[in-house]
C-alpha atoms as a PDB file:
ATOM      1  CA  MET A   1      -5.862 191.899  93.462  1.00  0.00           C
ATOM      2  CA  GLU A   2      -4.855 188.786  95.345  1.00  0.00           C
ATOM      3  CA  SER A   3      -2.602 187.543  92.520  1.00  0.00           C
ATOM      4  CA  ASN A   4      -0.906 190.968  92.384  1.00  0.00           C
ATOM      5  CA  MET A   5      -0.232 190.786  96.124  1.00  0.00           C
ATOM      6  CA  LEU A   6       1.231 187.355  95.908  1.00  0.00           C
ATOM      7  CA  GLY A   7       3.404 188.381  92.975  1.00  0.00           C
ATOM      8  CA  SER A   8       4.061 186.740  89.653  1.00  0.00           C
ATOM      9  CA  GLN A   9       5.783 183.386  89.331  1.00  0.00           C
ATOM     10  CA  GLU A  10       8.739 185.221  87.815  1.00  0.00           C
ATOM     11  CA  ILE A  11       9.122 187.287  91.000  1.00  0.00           C
ATOM     12  CA  LEU A  12       8.835 184.211  93.217  1.00  0.00           C
ATOM     13  CA  ASP A  13      11.389 182.359  91.093  1.00  0.00           C
ATOM     14  CA  ALA A  14      13.818 185.288  91.313  1.00  0.00           C
ATOM     15  CA  LEU A  15      13.507 185.332  95.107  1.00  0.00           C
ATOM     16  CA  LYS A  16      14.091 181.588  95.145  1.00  0.00           C
ATOM     17  CA  ASN A  17      17.317 182.113  93.218  1.00  0.00           C
ATOM     18  CA  ILE A  18      18.683 184.372  95.966  1.00  0.00           C
ATOM     19  CA  GLY A  19      17.993 181.827  98.703  1.00  0.00           C
ATOM     20  CA  LEU A  20      14.463 182.410 100.006  1.00  0.00           C
ATOM     21  CA  ASN A  21      12.359 179.309 100.620  1.00  0.00           C
ATOM     22  CA  LEU A  22       8.723 179.048  99.541  1.00  0.00           C
ATOM     23  CA  TYR A  23       7.165 180.501 102.702  1.00  0.00           C
ATOM     24  CA  GLU A  24       9.777 183.280 102.881  1.00  0.00           C
ATOM     25  CA  ARG A  25       9.053 184.257  99.288  1.00  0.00           C
ATOM     26  CA  LYS A  26       5.305 184.363  99.783  1.00  0.00           C
ATOM     27  CA  ILE A  27       5.438 186.280 103.054  1.00  0.00           C
ATOM     28  CA  TYR A  28       7.986 188.820 101.825  1.00  0.00           C
ATOM     29  CA  VAL A  29       5.949 189.622  98.717  1.00  0.00           C
ATOM     30  CA  ALA A  30       2.765 189.806 100.811  1.00  0.00           C
ATOM     31  CA  LEU A  31       4.450 192.156 103.290  1.00  0.00           C
ATOM     32  CA  ILE A  32       5.690 194.369 100.455  1.00  0.00           C
ATOM     33  CA  ALA A  33       2.100 194.646  99.253  1.00  0.00           C
ATOM     34  CA  LYS A  34       0.789 195.367 102.768  1.00  0.00           C
ATOM     35  CA  GLY A  35       3.639 197.570 103.986  1.00  0.00           C
ATOM     36  CA  VAL A  36       3.210 196.912 107.704  1.00  0.00           C
ATOM     37  CA  ALA A  37       1.434 193.889 109.145  1.00  0.00           C
ATOM     38  CA  THR A  38       1.244 191.436 112.027  1.00  0.00           C
ATOM     39  CA  ALA A  39       2.232 187.821 111.575  1.00  0.00           C
ATOM     40  CA  GLY A  40      -1.427 186.856 111.458  1.00  0.00           C
ATOM     41  CA  GLU A  41      -2.291 189.421 108.814  1.00  0.00           C
ATOM     42  CA  VAL A  42       0.579 188.571 106.529  1.00  0.00           C
ATOM     43  CA  SER A  43       0.000 184.822 106.869  1.00  0.00           C
ATOM     44  CA  GLU A  44      -3.568 185.298 105.691  1.00  0.00           C
ATOM     45  CA  ILE A  45      -2.507 187.318 102.662  1.00  0.00           C
ATOM     46  CA  ALA A  46       0.311 184.913 101.756  1.00  0.00           C
ATOM     47  CA  LYS A  47      -1.757 181.813 102.510  1.00  0.00           C
ATOM     48  CA  VAL A  48       0.955 180.487 104.810  1.00  0.00           C
ATOM     49  CA  PRO A  49       0.060 178.612 108.027  1.00  0.00           C
ATOM     50  CA  ARG A  50      -0.117 181.106 110.868  1.00  0.00           C
ATOM     51  CA  SER A  51       1.937 178.807 113.083  1.00  0.00           C
ATOM     52  CA  ARG A  52       4.821 179.106 110.598  1.00  0.00           C
ATOM     53  CA  SER A  53       4.574 182.828 109.881  1.00  0.00           C
ATOM     54  CA  TYR A  54       6.382 183.878 113.075  1.00  0.00           C
ATOM     55  CA  ASP A  55       9.452 181.766 112.335  1.00  0.00           C
ATOM     56  CA  VAL A  56       9.436 182.832 108.696  1.00  0.00           C
ATOM     57  CA  LEU A  57       9.266 186.533 109.578  1.00  0.00           C
ATOM     58  CA  GLU A  58      12.110 186.139 112.053  1.00  0.00           C
ATOM     59  CA  SER A  59      14.131 184.379 109.366  1.00  0.00           C
ATOM     60  CA  LEU A  60      13.453 187.205 106.919  1.00  0.00           C
ATOM     61  CA  ALA A  61      14.476 189.723 109.575  1.00  0.00           C
ATOM     62  CA  ASP A  62      17.705 187.806 110.194  1.00  0.00           C
ATOM     63  CA  LYS A  63      18.437 187.816 106.460  1.00  0.00           C
ATOM     64  CA  GLY A  64      17.775 191.541 106.182  1.00  0.00           C
ATOM     65  CA  PHE A  65      14.473 191.639 104.291  1.00  0.00           C
ATOM     66  CA  VAL A  66      12.154 192.872 107.053  1.00  0.00           C
ATOM     67  CA  VAL A  67      12.355 194.652 110.412  1.00  0.00           C
ATOM     68  CA  SER A  68      10.135 194.163 113.464  1.00  0.00           C
ATOM     69  CA  GLN A  69       8.468 196.932 115.449  1.00  0.00           C
ATOM     70  CA  SER A  70       8.258 197.027 119.244  1.00  0.00           C
ATOM     71  CA  SER A  71       4.515 196.857 119.490  1.00  0.00           C
ATOM     72  CA  LYS A  72       1.811 194.558 120.797  1.00  0.00           C
ATOM     73  CA  PRO A  73       1.129 192.568 118.763  1.00  0.00           C
ATOM     74  CA  ILE A  74       4.496 192.754 117.009  1.00  0.00           C
ATOM     75  CA  LYS A  75       4.284 194.250 113.548  1.00  0.00           C
ATOM     76  CA  TYR A  76       6.706 193.744 110.700  1.00  0.00           C
ATOM     77  CA  VAL A  77       7.820 196.195 108.043  1.00  0.00           C
ATOM     78  CA  ALA A  78       9.126 195.173 104.622  1.00  0.00           C
ATOM     79  CA  LEU A  79      12.266 196.963 103.533  1.00  0.00           C
ATOM     80  CA  ALA A  80      12.382 198.432 100.048  1.00  0.00           C
ATOM     81  CA  PRO A  81      13.594 195.680  97.669  1.00  0.00           C
ATOM     82  CA  ASN A  82      16.874 197.431  96.781  1.00  0.00           C
ATOM     83  CA  ASP A  83      17.641 198.109 100.460  1.00  0.00           C
ATOM     84  CA  ALA A  84      16.719 194.533 101.353  1.00  0.00           C
ATOM     85  CA  ILE A  85      19.093 193.109  98.766  1.00  0.00           C
ATOM     86  CA  GLU A  86      21.964 195.277  99.983  1.00  0.00           C
ATOM     87  CA  ARG A  87      21.327 194.360 103.615  1.00  0.00           C
ATOM     88  CA  ALA A  88      21.042 190.682 102.709  1.00  0.00           C
ATOM     89  CA  LYS A  89      24.355 190.857 100.843  1.00  0.00           C
ATOM     90  CA  ASP A  90      26.050 192.521 103.818  1.00  0.00           C
ATOM     91  CA  ASN A  91      24.647 189.887 106.187  1.00  0.00           C
ATOM     92  CA  LEU A  92      25.825 187.034 103.966  1.00  0.00           C
ATOM     93  CA  GLN A  93      29.310 188.505 103.644  1.00  0.00           C
ATOM     94  CA  ARG A  94      29.550 188.993 107.415  1.00  0.00           C
ATOM     95  CA  LYS A  95      28.345 185.465 108.170  1.00  0.00           C
ATOM     96  CA  HIS A  96      30.628 184.043 105.490  1.00  0.00           C
ATOM     97  CA  THR A  97      33.643 185.824 106.988  1.00  0.00           C
ATOM     98  CA  ASP A  98      32.724 184.721 110.511  1.00  0.00           C
ATOM     99  CA  THR A  99      32.254 181.117 109.414  1.00  0.00           C
ATOM    100  CA  LEU A 100      35.589 181.036 107.586  1.00  0.00           C
ATOM    101  CA  GLU A 101      37.346 182.420 110.654  1.00  0.00           C
ATOM    102  CA  ARG A 102      35.753 179.759 112.867  1.00  0.00           C
ATOM    103  CA  MET A 103      36.755 177.053 110.364  1.00  0.00           C
ATOM    104  CA  ASP A 104      40.370 178.299 110.312  1.00  0.00           C
ATOM    105  CA  LYS A 105      40.423 178.315 114.100  1.00  0.00           C
ATOM    106  CA  MET A 106      38.950 174.828 114.286  1.00  0.00           C
ATOM    107  CA  SER A 107      41.392 173.404 111.731  1.00  0.00           C
ATOM    108  CA  LYS A 108      44.273 174.383 114.045  1.00  0.00           C
ATOM    109  CA  SER A 109      42.654 173.177 117.250  1.00  0.00           C
ATOM    110  CA  PRO A 110      42.927 169.831 119.123  1.00  0.00           C
ATOM    111  CA  ILE A 111      39.344 169.134 118.046  1.00  0.00           C
ATOM    112  CA  MET A 112      40.551 168.489 114.499  1.00  0.00           C
ATOM    113  CA  THR A 113      43.063 165.912 115.732  1.00  0.00           C
ATOM    114  CA  GLN A 114      40.263 164.128 117.579  1.00  0.00           C
ATOM    115  CA  LEU A 115      38.008 164.185 114.505  1.00  0.00           C
ATOM    116  CA  GLU A 116      40.789 162.822 112.301  1.00  0.00           C
ATOM    117  CA  SER A 117      41.355 160.011 114.780  1.00  0.00           C
ATOM    118  CA  ILE A 118      37.671 159.099 114.798  1.00  0.00           C
ATOM    119  CA  TYR A 119      37.632 159.203 110.995  1.00  0.00           C
ATOM    120  CA  SER A 120      40.696 156.954 110.710  1.00  0.00           C
ATOM    121  CA  GLN A 121      39.203 154.366 113.051  1.00  0.00           C
ATOM    122  CA  GLY A 122      35.909 154.352 111.192  1.00  0.00           C
ATOM    123  CA  PHE A 123      37.535 154.346 107.767  1.00  0.00           C
ATOM    124  CA  SER A 124      39.557 151.238 108.619  1.00  0.00           C
ATOM    125  CA  MET A 125      36.302 149.280 109.001  1.00  0.00           C
ATOM    126  CA  ILE A 126      34.748 150.423 105.725  1.00  0.00           C
ATOM    127  CA  GLN A 127      34.451 147.926 102.904  1.00  0.00           C
ATOM    128  CA  PRO A 128      35.946 149.008  99.542  1.00  0.00           C
ATOM    129  CA  SER A 129      32.497 148.889  97.964  1.00  0.00           C
ATOM    130  CA  ASP A 130      31.336 151.572 100.416  1.00  0.00           C
ATOM    131  CA  ILE A 131      34.034 154.073  99.414  1.00  0.00           C
ATOM    132  CA  ALA A 132      32.227 155.236  96.316  1.00  0.00           C
ATOM    133  CA  GLY A 133      29.695 157.751  95.126  1.00  0.00           C
ATOM    134  CA  THR A 134      28.102 159.541  92.208  1.00  0.00           C
ATOM    135  CA  LEU A 135      28.946 163.217  91.912  1.00  0.00           C
ATOM    136  CA  LYS A 136      26.560 165.577  90.152  1.00  0.00           C
ATOM    137  CA  GLY A 137      27.504 169.054  89.002  1.00  0.00           C
ATOM    138  CA  ASN A 138      30.789 170.482  87.845  1.00  0.00           C
ATOM    139  CA  PHE A 139      31.415 172.106  91.220  1.00  0.00           C
ATOM    140  CA  SER A 140      31.094 168.852  93.192  1.00  0.00           C
ATOM    141  CA  ILE A 141      33.201 166.956  90.674  1.00  0.00           C
ATOM    142  CA  ASN A 142      36.021 169.479  90.848  1.00  0.00           C
ATOM    143  CA  GLN A 143      35.896 169.519  94.636  1.00  0.00           C
ATOM    144  CA  GLN A 144      36.458 165.771  94.715  1.00  0.00           C
ATOM    145  CA  MET A 145      39.215 166.014  92.118  1.00  0.00           C
ATOM    146  CA  LYS A 146      40.946 168.636  94.237  1.00  0.00           C
ATOM    147  CA  SER A 147      40.763 166.370  97.287  1.00  0.00           C
ATOM    148  CA  LEU A 148      42.234 163.452  95.338  1.00  0.00           C
ATOM    149  CA  PHE A 149      45.055 165.562  93.920  1.00  0.00           C
ATOM    150  CA  LYS A 150      45.858 166.994  97.365  1.00  0.00           C
ATOM    151  CA  SER A 151      46.200 163.468  98.762  1.00  0.00           C
ATOM    152  CA  ALA A 152      48.313 162.102  95.888  1.00  0.00           C
ATOM    153  CA  LYS A 153      51.603 160.595  97.006  1.00  0.00           C
ATOM    154  CA  SER A 154      53.069 158.583  94.131  1.00  0.00           C
ATOM    155  CA  HIS A 155      51.243 159.351  90.892  1.00  0.00           C
ATOM    156  CA  ILE A 156      48.334 160.968  89.095  1.00  0.00           C
ATOM    157  CA  LYS A 157      47.216 159.549  85.760  1.00  0.00           C
ATOM    158  CA  VAL A 158      44.775 161.493  83.623  1.00  0.00           C
ATOM    159  CA  ILE A 159      42.934 160.711  80.405  1.00  0.00           C
ATOM    160  CA  THR A 160      41.002 163.764  79.287  1.00  0.00           C
ATOM    161  CA  ASN A 161      39.796 166.080  76.526  1.00  0.00           C
ATOM    162  CA  ALA A 162      40.036 169.798  75.761  1.00  0.00           C
ATOM    163  CA  ASP A 163      37.487 170.747  78.433  1.00  0.00           C
ATOM    164  CA  GLY A 164      39.287 168.602  80.963  1.00  0.00           C
ATOM    165  CA  VAL A 165      42.634 170.246  80.188  1.00  0.00           C
ATOM    166  CA  THR A 166      41.094 173.686  80.642  1.00  0.00           C
ATOM    167  CA  GLU A 167      39.696 172.682  84.033  1.00  0.00           C
ATOM    168  CA  LEU A 168      42.947 171.065  85.146  1.00  0.00           C
ATOM    169  CA  HIS A 169      44.786 174.277  84.394  1.00  0.00           C
ATOM    170  CA  GLY A 170      42.169 176.720  85.641  1.00  0.00           C
ATOM    171  CA  LYS A 171      41.048 174.926  88.811  1.00  0.00           C
ATOM    172  CA  HIS A 172      43.738 172.439  89.812  1.00  0.00           C
ATOM    173  CA  MET A 173      47.094 173.869  88.806  1.00  0.00           C
ATOM    174  CA  ASN A 174      48.137 174.683  92.381  1.00  0.00           C
ATOM    175  CA  ALA A 175      47.104 171.234  93.625  1.00  0.00           C
ATOM    176  CA  LEU A 176      49.066 169.593  90.814  1.00  0.00           C
ATOM    177  CA  LYS A 177      52.132 171.732  91.542  1.00  0.00           C
ATOM    178  CA  SER A 178      51.956 170.724  95.201  1.00  0.00           C
ATOM    179  CA  ALA A 179      51.592 167.061  94.258  1.00  0.00           C
ATOM    180  CA  LYS A 180      54.671 167.305  92.062  1.00  0.00           C
ATOM    181  CA  LYS A 181      56.651 168.892  94.897  1.00  0.00           C
ATOM    182  CA  ARG A 182      55.656 165.965  97.120  1.00  0.00           C
ATOM    183  CA  GLY A 183      57.155 163.630  94.532  1.00  0.00           C
ATOM    184  CA  ALA A 184      54.013 162.503  92.744  1.00  0.00           C
ATOM    185  CA  LYS A 185      54.514 161.718  89.068  1.00  0.00           C
ATOM    186  CA  ILE A 186      51.841 163.367  86.925  1.00  0.00           C
ATOM    187  CA  ARG A 187      51.029 162.112  83.444  1.00  0.00           C
ATOM    188  CA  ILE A 188      48.276 163.328  81.137  1.00  0.00           C
ATOM    189  CA  LEU A 189      46.867 161.816  77.957  1.00  0.00           C
ATOM    190  CA  SER A 190      44.730 164.351  76.122  1.00  0.00           C
ATOM    191  CA  THR A 191      43.259 165.267  72.753  1.00  0.00           C
ATOM    192  CA  ASP A 192      44.283 168.866  73.519  1.00  0.00           C
ATOM    193  CA  ILE A 193      48.024 169.526  73.531  1.00  0.00           C
ATOM    194  CA  ARG A 194      48.235 172.856  71.681  1.00  0.00           C
ATOM    195  CA  SER A 195      46.233 175.214  73.897  1.00  0.00           C
ATOM    196  CA  LYS A 196      47.783 177.585  76.424  1.00  0.00           C
ATOM    197  CA  ALA A 197      46.311 175.450  79.202  1.00  0.00           C
ATOM    198  CA  ALA A 198      47.983 172.305  77.874  1.00  0.00           C
ATOM    199  CA  LYS A 199      51.327 174.051  77.463  1.00  0.00           C
ATOM    200  CA  ALA A 200      51.105 175.373  81.027  1.00  0.00           C
ATOM    201  CA  LEU A 201      50.338 171.897  82.349  1.00  0.00           C
ATOM    202  CA  ALA A 202      53.433 170.611  80.587  1.00  0.00           C
ATOM    203  CA  GLY A 203      55.387 172.440  83.287  1.00  0.00           C
ATOM    204  CA  VAL A 204      54.131 170.065  85.976  1.00  0.00           C
ATOM    205  CA  ALA A 205      53.243 166.937  84.028  1.00  0.00           C
ATOM    206  CA  GLU A 206      54.297 164.728  81.151  1.00  0.00           C
ATOM    207  CA  ILE A 207      51.726 165.092  78.387  1.00  0.00           C
ATOM    208  CA  LYS A 208      51.017 162.880  75.406  1.00  0.00           C
ATOM    209  CA  SER A 209      48.478 163.382  72.656  1.00  0.00           C
ATOM    210  CA  LEU A 210      45.482 161.112  72.159  1.00  0.00           C
ATOM    211  CA  GLU A 211      44.094 160.682  68.673  1.00  0.00           C
ATOM    212  CA  LYS A 212      40.527 160.204  69.883  1.00  0.00           C
ATOM    213  CA  SER A 213      38.710 161.380  72.998  1.00  0.00           C
ATOM    214  CA  LEU A 214      38.111 158.710  75.637  1.00  0.00           C
ATOM    215  CA  GLY A 215      36.278 161.040  78.003  1.00  0.00           C
ATOM    216  CA  ARG A 216      37.667 162.070  81.380  1.00  0.00           C
ATOM    217  CA  ILE A 217      39.291 159.452  83.607  1.00  0.00           C
ATOM    218  CA  PHE A 218      41.489 160.047  86.660  1.00  0.00           C
ATOM    219  CA  SER A 219      43.509 157.544  88.681  1.00  0.00           C
ATOM    220  CA  VAL A 220      45.426 158.522  91.816  1.00  0.00           C
ATOM    221  CA  ASP A 221      48.006 156.345  93.586  1.00  0.00           C
ATOM    222  CA  SER A 222      46.369 153.195  92.153  1.00  0.00           C
ATOM    223  CA  GLU A 223      43.809 153.565  94.953  1.00  0.00           C
ATOM    224  CA  HIS A 224      41.198 156.075  93.809  1.00  0.00           C
ATOM    225  CA  PHE A 225      39.624 156.775  90.449  1.00  0.00           C
ATOM    226  CA  MET A 226      37.006 159.004  88.887  1.00  0.00           C
ATOM    227  CA  ILE A 227      35.214 158.552  85.567  1.00  0.00           C
ATOM    228  CA  SER A 228      32.944 161.138  83.966  1.00  0.00           C
ATOM    229  CA  LEU A 229      29.632 159.645  82.930  1.00  0.00           C
ATOM    230  CA  THR A 230      28.578 162.592  80.753  1.00  0.00           C
ATOM    231  CA  ASP A 231      30.038 164.509  77.823  1.00  0.00           C
ATOM    232  CA  SER A 232      30.876 168.033  78.944  1.00  0.00           C
ATOM    233  CA  LYS A 233      30.017 169.354  75.480  1.00  0.00           C
ATOM    234  CA  GLU A 234      26.492 167.960  75.622  1.00  0.00           C
ATOM    235  CA  VAL A 235      25.322 168.807  79.140  1.00  0.00           C
ATOM    236  CA  HIS A 236      25.097 171.931  81.295  1.00  0.00           C
ATOM    237  CA  PRO A 237      27.827 172.105  83.978  1.00  0.00           C
ATOM    238  CA  THR A 238      25.182 171.562  86.671  1.00  0.00           C
ATOM    239  CA  GLN A 239      24.187 168.283  84.990  1.00  0.00           C
ATOM    240  CA  ASP A 240      27.708 166.913  84.618  1.00  0.00           C
ATOM    241  CA  VAL A 241      27.974 163.530  86.356  1.00  0.00           C
ATOM    242  CA  ALA A 242      30.976 161.484  87.465  1.00  0.00           C
ATOM    243  CA  PHE A 243      31.537 158.289  89.424  1.00  0.00           C
ATOM    244  CA  TRP A 244      34.241 158.180  92.077  1.00  0.00           C
ATOM    245  CA  ALA A 245      35.471 155.203  94.087  1.00  0.00           C
ATOM    246  CA  GLY A 246      38.319 154.141  96.326  1.00  0.00           C
ATOM    247  CA  SER A 247      39.177 150.803  94.733  1.00  0.00           C
ATOM    248  CA  SER A 248      42.705 149.507  94.226  1.00  0.00           C
ATOM    249  CA  HIS A 249      41.227 146.693  92.132  1.00  0.00           C
ATOM    250  CA  VAL A 250      39.789 149.071  89.523  1.00  0.00           C
ATOM    251  CA  SER A 251      42.222 151.951  89.860  1.00  0.00           C
ATOM    252  CA  GLY A 252      45.403 149.903  90.079  1.00  0.00           C
ATOM    253  CA  GLY A 253      44.352 146.765  88.262  1.00  0.00           C
ATOM    254  CA  VAL A 254      42.168 148.040  85.433  1.00  0.00           C
ATOM    255  CA  LEU A 255      42.636 151.756  84.791  1.00  0.00           C
ATOM    256  CA  ASP A 256      46.381 151.824  85.393  1.00  0.00           C
ATOM    257  CA  HIS A 257      46.774 148.931  82.937  1.00  0.00           C
ATOM    258  CA  LEU A 258      44.663 150.794  80.369  1.00  0.00           C
ATOM    259  CA  PHE A 259      46.630 153.992  80.901  1.00  0.00           C
ATOM    260  CA  GLU A 260      50.048 152.330  80.585  1.00  0.00           C
ATOM    261  CA  ASN A 261      49.033 150.600  77.342  1.00  0.00           C
ATOM    262  CA  LEU A 262      47.906 153.915  75.851  1.00  0.00           C
ATOM    263  CA  TRP A 263      50.907 155.784  77.218  1.00  0.00           C
ATOM    264  CA  GLY A 264      53.311 153.427  75.490  1.00  0.00           C
ATOM    265  CA  LYS A 265      51.727 154.067  72.095  1.00  0.00           C
ATOM    266  CA  TYR A 266      52.344 157.813  71.936  1.00  0.00           C
ATOM    267  CA  LYS A 267      55.307 160.148  72.029  1.00  0.00           C
ATOM    268  CA  PRO A 268      55.612 162.827  74.694  1.00  0.00           C
ATOM    269  CA  VAL A 269      54.831 166.431  73.862  1.00  0.00           C
ATOM    270  CA  GLN A 270      57.830 168.717  73.836  1.00  0.00           C
ATOM    271  CA  LYS A 271      57.693 171.513  76.411  1.00  0.00           C
END
C-alpha cells in the first residue's frame, strides 16, 4: 500500500522531467493518494521532513499542483493531474511573459549602463587565461556561438561539417547577416557545400569545400575561438562539448594561420 501511495519510479521520474524536485514529487504523489491532508500528515506519508513539508506544499501551490484550505490546521488539496498540468503550464507562461517584460525594461534602463560599466572595469583586469570555459550541451554551445557572432567586427572564420552547416543556417543565420552588415567578413570551410543550408549560407559568406572533416572550429576577430571536443554524430546533443576561450594568441596566431593555409588550397563555391 505504501509503495502505491508513493508512486512508481516511472511516475516520479516523469514529475522530475516537468520541474518538480524530489520533495515536491513525493509530497504531490502522497497528497494525490490522500486527497486532503495537513502538512504533517502528508510529510509522514511521503517520508519528507515535517519542517520542509510546509515550504514544499507552498511551492506546489505556487506552481499550480495543490490548493490550500482556510482551516486550522491548514489542509491541502491535490488537484487532478490533468488540471494540475494545465494550471502549471498557465503559471509558467505567465511568469515567463512577466520575466521577459522585466528584462526588456531593464535592458533599456540606466541600470544596464551601470552594469556594463562595472563589467568593463572588471573585464580589463582579467587575465587571458581566465576568459575561457568548457560548454556542455548543444544549447549552451549555440548560445555562446550566437554571442560571438553578435560581437564580430572584422571577421568570422569557420571550419565545420554537415551538422555544423545545418546549425549555422538554422540557428545563426540572422546573427551572420547582421555581422555581414556591420562589415565582418565571413568565410566557411565545410565538407557540406551541396545542401540547401550551405547554399543559403553562401548568400552571407564565402564558402569553400573541405575534402575531409576537421570537426567544428570557430574564430572571431582573431580574439575568440571555439573548438568542439565531441563528434556530433556520435553523441547526444545534450552531451556535445566545446571549449571556448578569449585568446588572441590561439585565435589570431594559431587558428587563423591554420584557416588561411586551408583556405588557400581550395576554390570558392559558386553561388
